[in-house]
Amino acid sequence: MSSLKQAQDKKTQIFTAILHWEEDVYVAQCPEVGTASQGETIEEAIALFARSN
């Protein structure tokens, strides 16, 4: 299968990220799949969240 065909077959999923401050870190939670990530900055929490989902 060509790489173009593989790219066309991939599905895009959109998840919700709920961000909040918890003690000393920012937490990004995904209610759809029940995962969470944390970071020292909002950007770091979102980046780690995106990699995990």
PDB file of N, CA and C in Angstrom:
ATOM      1  N   MET A   1       0.850  -1.180   0.000  1.00  0.00           N
ATOM      2  CA  MET A   1       0.000   0.000   0.000  1.00  0.00           C
ATOM      3  C   MET A   1       0.893   1.240   0.000  1.00  0.00           C
ATOM      4  N   SER A   2       0.563   2.200  -0.819  1.00  0.00           N
ATOM      5  CA  SER A   2       1.369   3.420  -0.904  1.00  0.00           C
ATOM      6  C   SER A   2       1.195   4.262   0.351  1.00  0.00           C
ATOM      7  N   SER A   3       2.190   5.104   0.629  1.00  0.00           N
ATOM      8  CA  SER A   3       2.103   5.965   1.811  1.00  0.00           C
ATOM      9  C   SER A   3       0.972   6.978   1.666  1.00  0.00           C
ATOM     10  N   LEU A   4       0.654   7.387   0.425  1.00  0.00           N
ATOM     11  CA  LEU A   4      -0.475   8.295   0.202  1.00  0.00           C
ATOM     12  C   LEU A   4      -1.771   7.603   0.582  1.00  0.00           C
ATOM     13  N   LYS A   5      -1.926   6.370   0.194  1.00  0.00           N
ATOM     14  CA  LYS A   5      -3.136   5.609   0.524  1.00  0.00           C
ATOM     15  C   LYS A   5      -3.233   5.419   2.031  1.00  0.00           C
ATOM     16  N   GLN A   6      -2.116   5.132   2.698  1.00  0.00           N
ATOM     17  CA  GLN A   6      -2.120   4.966   4.150  1.00  0.00           C
ATOM     18  C   GLN A   6      -2.534   6.262   4.831  1.00  0.00           C
ATOM     19  N   ALA A   7      -2.048   7.386   4.351  1.00  0.00           N
ATOM     20  CA  ALA A   7      -2.402   8.686   4.934  1.00  0.00           C
ATOM     21  C   ALA A   7      -3.884   8.976   4.743  1.00  0.00           C
ATOM     22  N   GLN A   8      -4.424   8.613   3.590  1.00  0.00           N
ATOM     23  CA  GLN A   8      -5.837   8.847   3.323  1.00  0.00           C
ATOM     24  C   GLN A   8      -6.718   7.959   4.190  1.00  0.00           C
ATOM     25  N   ASP A   9      -6.230   6.775   4.562  1.00  0.00           N
ATOM     26  CA  ASP A   9      -7.002   5.841   5.363  1.00  0.00           C
ATOM     27  C   ASP A   9      -7.011   6.192   6.853  1.00  0.00           C
ATOM     28  N   LYS A  10      -6.095   7.044   7.299  1.00  0.00           N
ATOM     29  CA  LYS A  10      -6.031   7.397   8.711  1.00  0.00           C
ATOM     30  C   LYS A  10      -7.236   8.259   9.086  1.00  0.00           C
ATOM     31  N   LYS A  11      -7.741   8.003  10.251  1.00  0.00           N
ATOM     32  CA  LYS A  11      -8.872   8.759  10.771  1.00  0.00           C
ATOM     33  C   LYS A  11      -8.364   9.793  11.776  1.00  0.00           C
ATOM     34  N   THR A  12      -8.956  10.952  11.759  1.00  0.00           N
ATOM     35  CA  THR A  12      -8.627  11.991  12.721  1.00  0.00           C
ATOM     36  C   THR A  12      -9.604  11.904  13.879  1.00  0.00           C
ATOM     37  N   GLN A  13      -9.081  11.930  15.081  1.00  0.00           N
ATOM     38  CA  GLN A  13      -9.923  11.926  16.264  1.00  0.00           C
ATOM     39  C   GLN A  13      -9.709  13.226  17.017  1.00  0.00           C
ATOM     40  N   ILE A  14     -10.777  13.767  17.530  1.00  0.00           N
ATOM     41  CA  ILE A  14     -10.716  14.999  18.305  1.00  0.00           C
ATOM     42  C   ILE A  14     -11.120  14.679  19.737  1.00  0.00           C
ATOM     43  N   PHE A  15     -10.262  15.078  20.688  1.00  0.00           N
ATOM     44  CA  PHE A  15     -10.525  14.833  22.095  1.00  0.00           C
ATOM     45  C   PHE A  15     -10.611  16.152  22.843  1.00  0.00           C
ATOM     46  N   THR A  16     -11.320  16.139  23.939  1.00  0.00           N
ATOM     47  CA  THR A  16     -11.442  17.299  24.811  1.00  0.00           C
ATOM     48  C   THR A  16     -10.313  17.280  25.837  1.00  0.00           C
ATOM     49  N   ALA A  17      -9.701  18.421  26.060  1.00  0.00           N
ATOM     50  CA  ALA A  17      -8.696  18.553  27.110  1.00  0.00           C
ATOM     51  C   ALA A  17      -9.225  19.537  28.150  1.00  0.00           C
ATOM     52  N   ILE A  18      -9.413  19.056  29.351  1.00  0.00           N
ATOM     53  CA  ILE A  18      -9.827  19.916  30.456  1.00  0.00           C
ATOM     54  C   ILE A  18      -8.572  20.210  31.270  1.00  0.00           C
ATOM     55  N   LEU A  19      -8.228  21.488  31.359  1.00  0.00           N
ATOM     56  CA  LEU A  19      -7.003  21.900  32.055  1.00  0.00           C
ATOM     57  C   LEU A  19      -7.335  22.533  33.395  1.00  0.00           C
ATOM     58  N   HIS A  20      -6.549  22.170  34.396  1.00  0.00           N
ATOM     59  CA  HIS A  20      -6.693  22.820  35.694  1.00  0.00           C
ATOM     60  C   HIS A  20      -5.368  22.759  36.443  1.00  0.00           C
ATOM     61  N   TRP A  21      -5.244  23.644  37.418  1.00  0.00           N
ATOM     62  CA  TRP A  21      -4.042  23.723  38.253  1.00  0.00           C
ATOM     63  C   TRP A  21      -4.269  22.829  39.466  1.00  0.00           C
ATOM     64  N   GLU A  22      -3.317  21.952  39.746  1.00  0.00           N
ATOM     65  CA  GLU A  22      -3.448  21.033  40.869  1.00  0.00           C
ATOM     66  C   GLU A  22      -2.156  21.048  41.673  1.00  0.00           C
ATOM     67  N   GLU A  23      -2.196  21.677  42.821  1.00  0.00           N
ATOM     68  CA  GLU A  23      -1.050  21.850  43.709  1.00  0.00           C
ATOM     69  C   GLU A  23       0.091  22.592  43.021  1.00  0.00           C
ATOM     70  N   ASP A  24       0.983  21.894  42.295  1.00  0.00           N
ATOM     71  CA  ASP A  24       2.118  22.588  41.686  1.00  0.00           C
ATOM     72  C   ASP A  24       2.304  22.271  40.201  1.00  0.00           C
ATOM     73  N   VAL A  25       1.296  21.695  39.550  1.00  0.00           N
ATOM     74  CA  VAL A  25       1.388  21.366  38.118  1.00  0.00           C
ATOM     75  C   VAL A  25       0.054  21.638  37.426  1.00  0.00           C
ATOM     76  N   TYR A  26       0.132  21.821  36.108  1.00  0.00           N
ATOM     77  CA  TYR A  26      -1.074  21.893  35.294  1.00  0.00           C
ATOM     78  C   TYR A  26      -1.448  20.471  34.879  1.00  0.00           C
ATOM     79  N   VAL A  27      -2.725  20.157  34.941  1.00  0.00           N
ATOM     80  CA  VAL A  27      -3.212  18.830  34.586  1.00  0.00           C
ATOM     81  C   VAL A  27      -4.160  18.963  33.394  1.00  0.00           C
ATOM     82  N   ALA A  28      -3.946  18.121  32.378  1.00  0.00           N
ATOM     83  CA  ALA A  28      -4.842  18.048  31.221  1.00  0.00           C
ATOM     84  C   ALA A  28      -5.534  16.693  31.286  1.00  0.00           C
ATOM     85  N   GLN A  29      -6.854  16.703  31.378  1.00  0.00           N
ATOM     86  CA  GLN A  29      -7.610  15.462  31.466  1.00  0.00           C
ATOM     87  C   GLN A  29      -8.494  15.294  30.243  1.00  0.00           C
ATOM     88  N   CYS A  30      -8.667  14.054  29.811  1.00  0.00           N
ATOM     89  CA  CYS A  30      -9.524  13.725  28.686  1.00  0.00           C
ATOM     90  C   CYS A  30     -10.709  12.904  29.186  1.00  0.00           C
ATOM     91  N   PRO A  31     -11.901  13.494  29.252  1.00  0.00           N
ATOM     92  CA  PRO A  31     -13.053  12.751  29.771  1.00  0.00           C
ATOM     93  C   PRO A  31     -13.514  11.621  28.845  1.00  0.00           C
ATOM     94  N   GLU A  32     -13.216  11.723  27.546  1.00  0.00           N
ATOM     95  CA  GLU A  32     -13.661  10.690  26.609  1.00  0.00           C
ATOM     96  C   GLU A  32     -12.974   9.344  26.836  1.00  0.00           C
ATOM     97  N   VAL A  33     -11.688   9.366  27.180  1.00  0.00           N
ATOM     98  CA  VAL A  33     -10.954   8.110  27.353  1.00  0.00           C
ATOM     99  C   VAL A  33     -10.375   7.933  28.760  1.00  0.00           C
ATOM    100  N   GLY A  34     -10.537   8.924  29.611  1.00  0.00           N
ATOM    101  CA  GLY A  34     -10.101   8.805  30.988  1.00  0.00           C
ATOM    102  C   GLY A  34      -8.602   8.915  31.214  1.00  0.00           C
ATOM    103  N   THR A  35      -7.891   9.586  30.315  1.00  0.00           N
ATOM    104  CA  THR A  35      -6.454   9.769  30.502  1.00  0.00           C
ATOM    105  C   THR A  35      -6.154  11.166  31.021  1.00  0.00           C
ATOM    106  N   ALA A  36      -4.950  11.324  31.541  1.00  0.00           N
ATOM    107  CA  ALA A  36      -4.516  12.632  32.035  1.00  0.00           C
ATOM    108  C   ALA A  36      -3.016  12.756  31.853  1.00  0.00           C
ATOM    109  N   SER A  37      -2.555  13.989  31.745  1.00  0.00           N
ATOM    110  CA  SER A  37      -1.130  14.271  31.722  1.00  0.00           C
ATOM    111  C   SER A  37      -0.908  15.527  32.546  1.00  0.00           C
ATOM    112  N   GLN A  38       0.344  15.780  32.867  1.00  0.00           N
ATOM    113  CA  GLN A  38       0.640  16.973  33.659  1.00  0.00           C
ATOM    114  C   GLN A  38       1.930  17.599  33.200  1.00  0.00           C
ATOM    115  N   GLY A  39       2.050  18.901  33.447  1.00  0.00           N
ATOM    116  CA  GLY A  39       3.257  19.612  33.078  1.00  0.00           C
ATOM    117  C   GLY A  39       3.435  20.847  33.928  1.00  0.00           C
ATOM    118  N   GLU A  40       4.632  21.377  33.892  1.00  0.00           N
ATOM    119  CA  GLU A  40       4.924  22.593  34.661  1.00  0.00           C
ATOM    120  C   GLU A  40       4.291  23.827  34.026  1.00  0.00           C
ATOM    121  N   THR A  41       3.997  23.749  32.718  1.00  0.00           N
ATOM    122  CA  THR A  41       3.312  24.839  32.015  1.00  0.00           C
ATOM    123  C   THR A  41       2.077  24.270  31.318  1.00  0.00           C
ATOM    124  N   ILE A  42       1.165  25.142  30.924  1.00  0.00           N
ATOM    125  CA  ILE A  42      -0.008  24.700  30.172  1.00  0.00           C
ATOM    126  C   ILE A  42       0.419  24.049  28.867  1.00  0.00           C
ATOM    127  N   GLU A  43       1.398  24.641  28.198  1.00  0.00           N
ATOM    128  CA  GLU A  43       1.872  24.112  26.922  1.00  0.00           C
ATOM    129  C   GLU A  43       2.441  22.703  27.075  1.00  0.00           C
ATOM    130  N   GLU A  44       3.213  22.481  28.137  1.00  0.00           N
ATOM    131  CA  GLU A  44       3.795  21.160  28.372  1.00  0.00           C
ATOM    132  C   GLU A  44       2.703  20.129  28.670  1.00  0.00           C
ATOM    133  N   ALA A  45       1.725  20.508  29.478  1.00  0.00           N
ATOM    134  CA  ALA A  45       0.629  19.585  29.798  1.00  0.00           C
ATOM    135  C   ALA A  45      -0.137  19.208  28.534  1.00  0.00           C
ATOM    136  N   ILE A  46      -0.385  20.171  27.652  1.00  0.00           N
ATOM    137  CA  ILE A  46      -1.103  19.893  26.409  1.00  0.00           C
ATOM    138  C   ILE A  46      -0.269  19.031  25.475  1.00  0.00           C
ATOM    139  N   ALA A  47       1.023  19.325  25.374  1.00  0.00           N
ATOM    140  CA  ALA A  47       1.895  18.545  24.489  1.00  0.00           C
ATOM    141  C   ALA A  47       1.964  17.081  24.931  1.00  0.00           C
ATOM    142  N   LEU A  48       2.102  16.850  26.222  1.00  0.00           N
ATOM    143  CA  LEU A  48       2.141  15.486  26.745  1.00  0.00           C
ATOM    144  C   LEU A  48       0.780  14.802  26.575  1.00  0.00           C
ATOM    145  N   PHE A  49      -0.284  15.562  26.727  1.00  0.00           N
ATOM    146  CA  PHE A  49      -1.652  15.066  26.527  1.00  0.00           C
ATOM    147  C   PHE A  49      -1.829  14.613  25.076  1.00  0.00           C
ATOM    148  N   ALA A  50      -1.372  15.432  24.147  1.00  0.00           N
ATOM    149  CA  ALA A  50      -1.512  15.107  22.715  1.00  0.00           C
ATOM    150  C   ALA A  50      -0.747  13.839  22.352  1.00  0.00           C
ATOM    151  N   ARG A  51       0.425  13.641  22.928  1.00  0.00           N
ATOM    152  CA  ARG A  51       1.204  12.433  22.661  1.00  0.00           C
ATOM    153  C   ARG A  51       0.558  11.179  23.231  1.00  0.00           C
ATOM    154  N   SER A  52      -0.143  11.329  24.341  1.00  0.00           N
ATOM    155  CA  SER A  52      -0.717  10.144  24.995  1.00  0.00           C
ATOM    156  C   SER A  52      -2.036   9.701  24.378  1.00  0.00           C
ATOM    157  N   ASN A  53      -2.682  10.569  23.625  1.00  0.00           N
ATOM    158  CA  ASN A  53      -3.979  10.214  23.039  1.00  0.00           C
ATOM    159  C   ASN A  53      -3.863  10.020  21.600  1.00  0.00           C
TER     160      ASN A  53
END
